[in-house]
Amino acid sequence: MKSKIFFWLDTNFMMYILSYHLKDKIDADFFGLYDLPNKSRKFFETQQLVNFEKVWHYHDYIKIDQLKIDMEYLSNFEKKYNIDLWNLAINERLFYRFNKFYKFSTKEIWSILEQECKLFENILEEIKPDIFITREPFQHHDEIFYQMCRSKGIKILITSSTKSFNKSMISQHPAKFDDVEISDSEITAEITSFSELRNTIMSSGLSKQLETNKNEWRTSNRKRISAAGEFLFKTKNNNIKTHFTYFGRSKSSVLIDSIRQILQKRNREKFLDNNLVKTFDHSEKFIYFPLGIDEEHSLLIGAPYYTNQIETIRHVAKSIPIEYKLYVKEHPFSGSRNWKSISDYRKIIDIPNVKLLHHSVPKDEVFENCSLVISAMGSSSLDAAFYGKPSIIFGKMFYDILPSVDHVESLNELSKIIHSALQKTVKIDDMKKFLSIFYKNSFDFDINLYNLKEANAFFHNGQLVDVEISELQMREFIDNNSDMFSILVEEHIKKIK
């Protein structure tokens, strides 16, 4: 009997292209859910490249005017699947802090959640998939579907970036390796010093990846004008009627917001350049807290109770030993979100015993001189180990198998954990074992590079998502990137078999 494979398909086309390559290599029935805006949807309604047995269009099932709420259903749903719906809803960037165009009421959020949960239950009950293939969940609804599949014992293959070494992993959980068992004979890394470790991460780590791609991601004025022209003069903007994710995004409000963002970013950059610390005393004892990007899923989903980074910094500052300072550094890629507000930076600067470093301060200079790294999520706590420094994280990550990495379960324990972590040393043997596990569970597929290629091919360098797509465009993109996808396809086939 054929396996049934379900794909989550959205405006990141990676899973669709993967399904295209898998269709002739495995004997299975394919199903999928599309989460797409209206213009992009047209191609997928008629596409013949992949034969799906059945597909669902997510936004067809979510109607905001249905405000009669079945609270008993939602309550039973939470218990049935052990999912905290408000945890996901309040951290959803559309529903709360980051939506500048529309304010959702509590009833509207309840209604959306109820319709989503019923849709997902109906899908899983109808097809009873054997395997769920997806990229790392980015929003509340794909996270709900993923958690439902976990609860039902469905085999899950999530492709996610390791953020280090330009590699990817496929696992049941986006922040955990599936296989952490390793024998002594499998530990083959020939590393004898931390300088060798640093050379490893400097040559292929996340910072190298960002350095390689940042110029390509930098959007030219020509591409901005092209995207603006298509949106203003070639788009009917029907999404504001059919997609709750577009509510309030009239052409005039989007245009005004775009101009506001340009001016806002300039003012914030001027403030950062004039007020943040660009050099520091290397003899000073300090603990390092790298800021994450506020709207990113790694923070909103990965560390849901620590999304207020200013408050987290206050907790850390209250918990460190008296002889230490706390150095906070802005994420170098935070500019992609127009930086944080000036008021947020002022709040950090005003915290006693805290120094806010400029994002241009070299990362290796901070790692080499700090005593401990504390981060909500991200790769900094792994980078710390390559510099021989212990670390603490608030969310769950694949590298927390390292003995030098502590995880915060309760803020009441934070001070004790910090004092204990400061006494730890990173051992070369532990790093050799970790690297062997890392290489065992990862492979050479650069998701950031793929996203860049896709953004340039379809979306005006990421400036406009709702665009028309032709079969010729899709075929050319698939053919041009077939070599890149070969290893991703191969790794999925291994997992499926």
Protein backbone atom coordinates (compact mmCIF):
# COMPACT_ATOMS: atom_id res chain seq x y z
CA MET A 1 0.00 0.00 0.00
CA LYS A 2 1.32 3.44 -0.94
CA SER A 3 2.46 5.84 1.74
CA LYS A 4 0.52 9.08 2.10
CA ILE A 5 2.73 12.18 2.30
CA PHE A 6 1.39 15.59 3.24
CA PHE A 7 3.26 18.79 2.29
CA TRP A 8 2.87 22.27 3.79
CA LEU A 9 3.11 24.60 0.77
CA ASP A 10 3.34 28.37 0.95
CA THR A 11 5.13 31.38 -0.53
CA ASN A 12 8.44 29.72 0.24
CA PHE A 13 8.48 27.29 -2.68
CA MET A 14 11.15 24.97 -1.25
CA MET A 15 8.65 22.26 -0.27
CA TYR A 16 6.83 22.45 -3.60
CA ILE A 17 10.09 22.05 -5.51
CA LEU A 18 11.05 19.20 -3.21
CA SER A 19 7.74 17.47 -3.99
CA TYR A 20 8.50 17.90 -7.71
CA HIS A 21 11.82 16.10 -7.35
CA LEU A 22 10.40 13.39 -5.08
CA LYS A 23 7.39 12.50 -7.28
CA ASP A 24 9.39 10.20 -9.59
CA LYS A 25 11.68 8.81 -6.91
CA ILE A 26 9.26 7.40 -4.32
CA ASP A 27 6.02 5.46 -4.64
CA ALA A 28 3.59 7.53 -2.58
CA ASP A 29 0.44 9.61 -2.81
CA PHE A 30 1.00 13.33 -2.32
CA PHE A 31 -1.37 15.72 -0.54
CA GLY A 32 -0.88 19.34 0.38
CA LEU A 33 -2.15 22.54 1.93
CA TYR A 34 -1.51 25.83 0.12
CA ASP A 35 -1.12 29.05 2.12
CA LEU A 36 -0.85 31.61 -0.67
CA PRO A 37 -2.04 35.09 -1.66
CA ASN A 38 -4.42 35.39 -4.61
CA LYS A 39 -2.09 36.19 -7.53
CA SER A 40 0.44 33.50 -6.59
CA ARG A 41 -2.39 31.02 -6.07
CA LYS A 42 -3.38 31.07 -9.77
CA PHE A 43 -0.35 29.05 -10.81
CA PHE A 44 -0.85 26.41 -8.14
CA GLU A 45 -4.54 25.96 -8.99
CA THR A 46 -3.65 24.80 -12.49
CA GLN A 47 -0.08 23.46 -12.12
CA GLN A 48 0.65 20.08 -13.70
CA LEU A 49 4.24 19.66 -12.51
CA VAL A 50 3.28 17.69 -9.39
CA ASN A 51 0.27 15.40 -9.19
CA PHE A 52 -1.31 15.93 -5.78
CA GLU A 53 -4.18 13.61 -4.91
CA LYS A 54 -5.87 16.49 -3.12
CA VAL A 55 -4.95 20.00 -1.98
CA TRP A 56 -6.58 22.45 0.40
CA HIS A 57 -6.31 26.24 0.07
CA TYR A 58 -5.95 27.48 3.65
CA HIS A 59 -7.63 30.86 3.23
CA ASP A 60 -10.78 29.32 1.71
CA TYR A 61 -11.58 27.92 5.15
CA ILE A 62 -10.88 30.96 7.34
CA LYS A 63 -13.68 33.54 7.39
CA ILE A 64 -13.31 36.41 9.83
CA ASP A 65 -17.06 37.17 9.95
CA GLN A 66 -17.82 33.89 11.70
CA LEU A 67 -17.74 35.12 15.30
CA LYS A 68 -19.91 32.50 16.97
CA ILE A 69 -17.23 30.75 19.00
CA ASP A 70 -17.38 27.14 20.20
CA MET A 71 -15.26 27.55 23.34
CA GLU A 72 -15.89 23.97 24.42
CA TYR A 73 -14.34 22.76 21.17
CA LEU A 74 -11.26 24.97 21.61
CA SER A 75 -10.84 23.88 25.23
CA ASN A 76 -11.10 20.19 24.31
CA PHE A 77 -8.71 20.74 21.38
CA GLU A 78 -6.02 22.11 23.70
CA LYS A 79 -6.33 19.09 26.00
CA LYS A 80 -6.49 16.59 23.15
CA TYR A 81 -3.26 17.76 21.49
CA ASN A 82 -1.54 19.40 24.48
CA ILE A 83 -1.28 22.70 22.59
CA ASP A 84 -1.44 26.09 24.33
CA LEU A 85 -3.31 28.12 21.73
CA TRP A 86 -2.91 31.52 23.40
CA ASN A 87 0.83 30.92 23.65
CA LEU A 88 0.98 30.74 19.86
CA ALA A 89 -1.67 33.39 19.18
CA ILE A 90 -0.18 36.15 21.33
CA ASN A 91 3.24 35.50 19.82
CA GLU A 92 1.79 35.57 16.30
CA ARG A 93 3.19 38.72 14.68
CA LEU A 94 -0.11 39.28 12.83
CA PHE A 95 -2.28 39.26 15.93
CA TYR A 96 -0.43 41.43 18.39
CA ARG A 97 2.70 43.54 18.65
CA PHE A 98 3.96 43.81 15.09
CA ASN A 99 0.85 44.39 12.98
CA LYS A 100 0.72 48.07 11.99
CA PHE A 101 -2.31 47.73 9.72
CA TYR A 102 -5.05 45.93 11.67
CA LYS A 103 -5.91 45.20 15.29
CA PHE A 104 -7.54 41.80 15.78
CA SER A 105 -10.11 41.45 18.53
CA THR A 106 -10.05 38.51 20.93
CA LYS A 107 -13.20 37.12 19.27
CA GLU A 108 -11.60 37.34 15.84
CA ILE A 109 -8.56 35.45 17.08
CA TRP A 110 -10.77 32.80 18.69
CA SER A 111 -12.70 32.45 15.43
CA ILE A 112 -9.55 32.06 13.33
CA LEU A 113 -8.14 29.47 15.74
CA GLU A 114 -11.38 27.48 15.79
CA GLN A 115 -11.63 27.38 11.99
CA GLU A 116 -7.95 26.43 11.64
CA CYS A 117 -8.16 23.64 14.19
CA LYS A 118 -11.31 22.17 12.61
CA LEU A 119 -9.75 22.37 9.14
CA PHE A 120 -6.59 20.63 10.30
CA GLU A 121 -8.51 17.93 12.14
CA ASN A 122 -10.65 17.27 9.07
CA ILE A 123 -7.57 17.01 6.85
CA LEU A 124 -5.77 14.59 9.14
CA GLU A 125 -8.89 12.50 9.67
CA GLU A 126 -9.65 12.32 5.95
CA ILE A 127 -6.26 11.30 4.60
CA LYS A 128 -4.48 9.90 7.69
CA PRO A 129 -0.99 10.77 6.37
CA ASP A 130 1.99 8.57 7.11
CA ILE A 131 4.51 11.38 6.68
CA PHE A 132 4.37 15.17 7.06
CA ILE A 133 7.03 17.09 5.11
CA THR A 134 7.53 20.78 5.83
CA ARG A 135 10.03 23.53 6.39
CA GLU A 136 10.49 24.95 9.89
CA PRO A 137 7.16 26.43 11.14
CA PHE A 138 7.16 30.23 10.93
CA GLN A 139 3.67 31.20 12.09
CA HIS A 140 1.06 30.03 14.55
CA HIS A 141 -1.00 27.96 12.12
CA ASP A 142 1.79 25.82 10.65
CA GLU A 143 3.08 25.34 14.22
CA ILE A 144 -0.39 24.10 15.27
CA PHE A 145 -0.51 21.64 12.37
CA TYR A 146 3.01 20.42 13.15
CA GLN A 147 2.19 19.88 16.83
CA MET A 148 -1.01 18.01 15.89
CA CYS A 149 1.03 15.66 13.69
CA ARG A 150 3.47 15.08 16.55
CA SER A 151 0.59 14.32 18.90
CA LYS A 152 -0.83 11.79 16.44
CA GLY A 153 2.52 10.04 16.00
CA ILE A 154 2.83 10.96 12.31
CA LYS A 155 6.38 10.78 10.99
CA ILE A 156 7.60 14.36 10.57
CA LEU A 157 10.40 15.57 8.30
CA ILE A 158 11.19 19.22 9.01
CA THR A 159 13.92 20.91 7.00
CA SER A 160 15.59 23.66 9.01
CA SER A 161 18.83 25.60 8.94
CA THR A 162 21.52 24.73 11.48
CA LYS A 163 22.63 28.40 11.16
CA SER A 164 26.21 27.17 11.40
CA PHE A 165 28.42 25.90 8.57
CA ASN A 166 25.77 26.75 5.93
CA LYS A 167 24.14 23.39 6.54
CA SER A 168 20.61 22.08 7.02
CA MET A 169 19.05 19.26 8.99
CA ILE A 170 15.93 17.11 8.67
CA SER A 171 14.38 16.07 11.95
CA GLN A 172 11.17 15.47 13.89
CA HIS A 173 11.78 18.72 15.77
CA PRO A 174 13.38 21.85 14.20
CA ALA A 175 15.63 22.44 17.21
CA LYS A 176 16.73 18.87 17.92
CA PHE A 177 18.81 16.23 16.20
CA ASP A 178 17.04 12.91 15.63
CA ASP A 179 20.19 10.89 16.34
CA VAL A 180 22.51 11.98 19.16
CA GLU A 181 24.00 8.56 19.84
CA ILE A 182 27.55 8.17 18.62
CA SER A 183 30.32 5.63 19.22
CA ASP A 184 33.93 6.47 19.96
CA SER A 185 34.93 5.15 16.53
CA GLU A 186 32.62 7.70 14.88
CA ILE A 187 34.36 10.65 16.57
CA THR A 188 36.80 11.52 13.82
CA ALA A 189 37.32 15.27 14.18
CA GLU A 190 41.06 15.95 14.45
CA ILE A 191 40.98 19.09 16.60
CA THR A 192 43.46 19.80 19.34
CA SER A 193 42.85 23.45 20.22
CA PHE A 194 40.19 26.15 20.36
CA SER A 195 42.05 28.14 17.72
CA GLU A 196 41.34 25.30 15.29
CA LEU A 197 37.70 25.37 16.35
CA ARG A 198 37.55 29.12 15.77
CA ASN A 199 39.07 28.72 12.32
CA THR A 200 36.35 26.19 11.56
CA ILE A 201 33.48 28.48 12.47
CA MET A 202 35.09 31.61 11.02
CA SER A 203 35.51 29.89 7.65
CA SER A 204 31.97 28.54 7.36
CA GLY A 205 29.79 29.78 10.22
CA LEU A 206 26.70 31.96 10.19
CA SER A 207 28.72 35.17 10.13
CA LYS A 208 30.44 34.01 6.94
CA GLN A 209 27.08 33.11 5.45
CA LEU A 210 25.63 36.54 6.21
CA GLU A 211 28.74 38.25 4.89
CA THR A 212 28.51 36.28 1.64
CA ASN A 213 24.83 36.99 1.04
CA LYS A 214 24.22 40.43 2.57
CA ASN A 215 25.13 42.34 -0.59
CA GLU A 216 22.75 40.20 -2.63
CA TRP A 217 19.91 40.74 -0.14
CA ARG A 218 20.48 44.51 -0.24
CA THR A 219 17.58 45.69 -2.36
CA SER A 220 18.33 48.20 -5.10
CA ASN A 221 16.12 51.22 -5.70
CA ARG A 222 15.29 49.74 -9.10
CA LYS A 223 13.82 46.62 -7.51
CA ARG A 224 11.93 48.68 -4.94
CA ILE A 225 10.43 50.83 -7.71
CA SER A 226 9.57 47.73 -9.75
CA ALA A 227 7.81 46.10 -6.78
CA ALA A 228 5.99 49.34 -5.91
CA GLY A 229 4.86 49.78 -9.50
CA GLU A 230 3.43 46.28 -9.71
CA PHE A 231 1.67 46.63 -6.34
CA LEU A 232 0.21 50.08 -7.00
CA PHE A 233 -0.74 49.79 -10.67
CA LYS A 234 -0.99 46.07 -11.58
CA THR A 235 -2.52 44.57 -8.44
CA LYS A 236 -6.22 44.68 -7.55
CA ASN A 237 -5.28 44.03 -3.91
CA ASN A 238 -8.13 41.55 -3.37
CA ASN A 239 -6.24 39.90 -0.50
CA ILE A 240 -7.57 42.49 1.97
CA LYS A 241 -11.03 40.95 1.44
CA THR A 242 -10.12 37.26 1.36
CA HIS A 243 -7.02 36.87 3.55
CA PHE A 244 -7.05 37.95 7.20
CA THR A 245 -3.25 38.18 6.96
CA TYR A 246 -3.72 41.20 4.65
CA PHE A 247 -6.40 43.05 6.61
CA GLY A 248 -5.86 46.81 6.67
CA ARG A 249 -3.20 46.73 3.96
CA SER A 250 -4.74 49.16 1.53
CA LYS A 251 -2.44 50.50 -1.16
CA SER A 252 -2.30 53.92 0.48
CA SER A 253 -1.53 52.54 3.96
CA VAL A 254 1.23 50.28 2.60
CA LEU A 255 2.76 53.15 0.63
CA ILE A 256 2.66 55.49 3.63
CA ASP A 257 4.17 52.80 5.86
CA SER A 258 6.97 52.13 3.36
CA ILE A 259 7.94 55.81 3.34
CA ARG A 260 7.70 55.93 7.12
CA GLN A 261 9.98 52.90 7.43
CA ILE A 262 12.66 54.46 5.25
CA LEU A 263 12.72 57.61 7.39
CA GLN A 264 12.47 55.60 10.60
CA LYS A 265 15.41 53.41 9.68
CA ARG A 266 17.60 56.45 8.95
CA ASN A 267 16.76 58.03 12.32
CA ARG A 268 17.44 54.81 14.18
CA GLU A 269 20.76 54.25 12.43
CA LYS A 270 21.79 57.79 13.34
CA PHE A 271 20.88 57.11 16.98
CA LEU A 272 22.81 53.83 16.99
CA ASP A 273 25.90 55.46 15.52
CA ASN A 274 25.82 58.31 18.04
CA ASN A 275 24.88 56.48 21.24
CA LEU A 276 26.08 52.87 21.21
CA VAL A 277 29.47 51.72 22.49
CA LYS A 278 31.94 50.97 19.69
CA THR A 279 34.96 50.05 21.84
CA PHE A 280 35.28 48.58 25.31
CA ASP A 281 37.82 47.89 28.05
CA HIS A 282 39.18 44.39 27.46
CA SER A 283 40.24 44.10 31.10
CA GLU A 284 36.63 44.43 32.26
CA LYS A 285 34.83 41.27 33.38
CA PHE A 286 31.59 40.92 31.48
CA ILE A 287 28.82 38.58 30.43
CA TYR A 288 27.58 38.84 26.85
CA PHE A 289 23.92 38.97 25.75
CA PRO A 290 23.43 39.14 21.95
CA LEU A 291 20.05 40.53 20.91
CA GLY A 292 17.83 38.56 18.56
CA ILE A 293 15.61 39.99 15.83
CA ASP A 294 12.25 40.74 17.43
CA GLU A 295 9.85 39.45 14.77
CA GLU A 296 11.71 36.25 13.96
CA HIS A 297 10.06 32.87 14.46
CA SER A 298 13.12 31.53 16.30
CA LEU A 299 12.24 33.86 19.18
CA LEU A 300 8.44 33.96 18.89
CA ILE A 301 8.02 30.18 18.65
CA GLY A 302 11.35 28.92 19.99
CA ALA A 303 11.43 30.97 23.20
CA PRO A 304 7.79 32.06 23.64
CA TYR A 305 8.13 33.35 27.21
CA TYR A 306 11.21 35.48 26.48
CA THR A 307 10.05 37.57 23.53
CA ASN A 308 10.37 40.81 25.52
CA GLN A 309 14.13 41.05 25.20
CA ILE A 310 14.37 44.22 27.31
CA GLU A 311 12.71 42.46 30.22
CA THR A 312 14.95 39.42 29.71
CA ILE A 313 18.01 41.68 29.85
CA ARG A 314 16.72 43.14 33.12
CA HIS A 315 16.35 39.63 34.55
CA VAL A 316 19.90 38.75 33.49
CA ALA A 317 21.31 42.03 34.82
CA LYS A 318 19.69 41.32 38.21
CA SER A 319 21.15 37.82 38.31
CA ILE A 320 24.84 38.28 37.50
CA PRO A 321 27.61 38.46 40.14
CA ILE A 322 28.43 41.95 41.40
CA GLU A 323 31.88 42.07 39.79
CA TYR A 324 30.54 41.54 36.26
CA LYS A 325 29.03 43.91 33.73
CA LEU A 326 26.45 42.86 31.15
CA TYR A 327 27.31 43.68 27.54
CA VAL A 328 24.39 43.67 25.11
CA LYS A 329 24.98 43.81 21.35
CA GLU A 330 22.48 44.46 18.59
CA HIS A 331 22.09 41.77 15.94
CA PRO A 332 23.90 42.85 12.75
CA PHE A 333 20.92 41.71 10.65
CA SER A 334 18.36 43.64 12.71
CA GLY A 335 18.51 46.34 10.08
CA SER A 336 16.44 44.06 7.85
CA ARG A 337 13.59 44.85 10.26
CA ASN A 338 14.51 48.57 10.39
CA TRP A 339 16.22 48.14 13.78
CA LYS A 340 14.39 48.43 17.09
CA SER A 341 12.73 51.61 18.26
CA ILE A 342 14.91 54.34 19.77
CA SER A 343 12.85 54.10 22.95
CA ASP A 344 13.77 50.40 23.24
CA TYR A 345 17.47 51.21 22.88
CA ARG A 346 17.15 53.93 25.52
CA LYS A 347 15.53 51.46 27.93
CA ILE A 348 18.47 49.08 27.52
CA ILE A 349 21.03 51.87 27.94
CA ASP A 350 19.27 53.03 31.12
CA ILE A 351 19.59 49.65 32.88
CA PRO A 352 22.36 49.94 35.51
CA ASN A 353 25.51 47.97 34.83
CA VAL A 354 24.56 47.33 31.18
CA LYS A 355 26.53 48.45 28.12
CA LEU A 356 24.85 48.43 24.70
CA LEU A 357 27.42 47.66 21.99
CA HIS A 358 27.16 48.85 18.43
CA HIS A 359 26.48 46.07 15.91
CA SER A 360 29.77 46.87 14.15
CA VAL A 361 31.85 45.67 17.13
CA PRO A 362 33.56 42.48 15.87
CA LYS A 363 31.89 39.35 17.20
CA ASP A 364 35.18 37.54 17.79
CA GLU A 365 36.42 40.43 19.95
CA VAL A 366 33.38 40.05 22.22
CA PHE A 367 33.57 36.26 22.41
CA GLU A 368 37.29 36.24 23.17
CA ASN A 369 36.93 38.63 26.11
CA CYS A 370 33.62 37.62 27.71
CA SER A 371 33.23 35.10 30.53
CA LEU A 372 29.80 33.75 29.59
CA VAL A 373 27.25 34.07 26.76
CA ILE A 374 23.51 34.23 27.49
CA SER A 375 21.01 34.25 24.61
CA ALA A 376 17.32 33.63 24.08
CA MET A 377 17.84 31.60 20.89
CA GLY A 378 20.08 31.64 17.83
CA SER A 379 23.61 30.46 17.15
CA SER A 380 25.57 32.69 19.56
CA SER A 381 25.58 30.15 22.38
CA LEU A 382 27.02 27.56 19.99
CA ASP A 383 29.59 30.07 18.71
CA ALA A 384 30.60 30.66 22.34
CA ALA A 385 31.71 27.03 22.67
CA PHE A 386 34.10 27.48 19.74
CA TYR A 387 35.80 30.21 21.77
CA GLY A 388 35.96 28.00 24.85
CA LYS A 389 33.17 29.94 26.61
CA PRO A 390 30.17 28.42 28.44
CA SER A 391 26.68 29.63 27.61
CA ILE A 392 23.04 29.75 28.71
CA ILE A 393 19.95 29.67 26.47
CA PHE A 394 16.26 30.25 27.18
CA GLY A 395 14.87 28.15 24.32
CA LYS A 396 15.67 24.63 23.14
CA MET A 397 18.38 24.19 20.50
CA PHE A 398 20.13 21.19 18.96
CA TYR A 399 23.45 22.21 20.51
CA ASP A 400 22.18 22.09 24.10
CA ILE A 401 23.54 18.53 24.21
CA LEU A 402 26.88 20.22 24.92
CA PRO A 403 27.77 20.05 28.65
CA SER A 404 28.86 23.70 28.50
CA VAL A 405 25.35 24.87 27.47
CA ASP A 406 22.74 25.36 30.21
CA HIS A 407 19.02 25.76 29.62
CA VAL A 408 16.82 28.04 31.74
CA GLU A 409 13.64 26.30 32.86
CA SER A 410 12.65 28.90 35.46
CA LEU A 411 13.66 32.52 36.02
CA ASN A 412 13.81 31.78 39.74
CA GLU A 413 16.83 29.59 38.98
CA LEU A 414 18.56 32.11 36.69
CA SER A 415 21.02 33.50 39.24
CA LYS A 416 22.02 30.03 40.36
CA ILE A 417 22.47 28.86 36.76
CA ILE A 418 24.62 31.89 35.90
CA HIS A 419 26.90 31.39 38.93
CA SER A 420 27.24 27.70 38.07
CA ALA A 421 27.87 28.33 34.35
CA LEU A 422 30.69 30.79 35.13
CA GLN A 423 32.57 27.91 36.75
CA LYS A 424 32.29 25.64 33.72
CA THR A 425 34.99 24.99 31.15
CA VAL A 426 34.49 23.85 27.58
CA LYS A 427 36.37 20.65 26.80
CA ILE A 428 37.89 19.86 23.42
CA ASP A 429 36.71 16.25 23.64
CA ASP A 430 33.11 17.42 24.12
CA MET A 431 33.43 19.65 21.06
CA LYS A 432 34.87 16.82 18.96
CA LYS A 433 31.95 14.61 19.95
CA PHE A 434 29.44 17.36 19.23
CA LEU A 435 30.92 18.09 15.80
CA SER A 436 30.71 14.40 14.92
CA ILE A 437 27.02 14.35 15.93
CA PHE A 438 26.47 17.61 14.05
CA TYR A 439 27.96 16.29 10.80
CA LYS A 440 26.05 13.03 11.22
CA ASN A 441 22.74 14.92 11.34
CA SER A 442 23.36 17.74 8.84
CA PHE A 443 24.11 18.15 5.15
CA ASP A 444 25.20 20.81 2.64
CA PHE A 445 22.04 22.70 1.75
CA ASP A 446 22.17 26.46 2.33
CA ILE A 447 18.59 27.59 3.06
CA ASN A 448 19.56 31.25 3.21
CA LEU A 449 21.10 31.03 -0.27
CA TYR A 450 18.01 29.22 -1.57
CA ASN A 451 15.74 31.95 -0.14
CA LEU A 452 17.89 34.56 -1.85
CA LYS A 453 17.61 32.80 -5.22
CA GLU A 454 13.85 32.46 -4.85
CA ALA A 455 13.40 36.09 -3.81
CA ASN A 456 15.33 37.30 -6.86
CA ALA A 457 13.57 34.94 -9.28
CA PHE A 458 9.98 35.61 -8.20
CA PHE A 459 9.54 38.35 -5.62
CA HIS A 460 11.52 41.47 -6.63
CA ASN A 461 14.26 40.52 -4.14
CA GLY A 462 11.62 39.87 -1.48
CA GLN A 463 9.88 43.24 -1.85
CA LEU A 464 6.53 41.82 -3.07
CA VAL A 465 5.11 38.39 -2.25
CA ASP A 466 1.79 38.39 -4.12
CA VAL A 467 2.99 38.02 -7.72
CA GLU A 468 1.83 36.08 -10.75
CA ILE A 469 3.91 33.02 -11.56
CA SER A 470 4.07 31.26 -14.90
CA GLU A 471 4.86 27.60 -15.51
CA LEU A 472 7.85 28.69 -17.58
CA GLN A 473 9.23 30.68 -14.61
CA MET A 474 8.77 27.76 -12.26
CA ARG A 475 10.28 25.22 -14.68
CA GLU A 476 13.32 27.44 -15.30
CA PHE A 477 13.84 27.97 -11.57
CA ILE A 478 13.55 24.25 -10.86
CA ASP A 479 15.98 23.36 -13.67
CA ASN A 480 18.49 26.06 -12.69
CA ASN A 481 18.59 24.83 -9.09
CA SER A 482 18.33 21.07 -9.59
CA ASP A 483 21.94 20.51 -8.51
CA MET A 484 21.34 22.46 -5.31
CA PHE A 485 18.25 20.36 -4.55
CA SER A 486 19.83 16.99 -5.27
CA ILE A 487 21.20 16.56 -1.75
CA LEU A 488 17.96 17.77 -0.14
CA VAL A 489 16.05 15.18 -2.17
CA GLU A 490 18.57 12.46 -1.32
CA GLU A 491 18.38 13.20 2.40
CA HIS A 492 14.57 13.09 2.37
CA ILE A 493 14.58 9.75 0.59
CA LYS A 494 16.89 8.37 3.29
CA LYS A 495 14.53 9.56 6.00
CA ILE A 496 11.42 8.28 4.22
CA LYS A 497 12.91 4.84 3.70
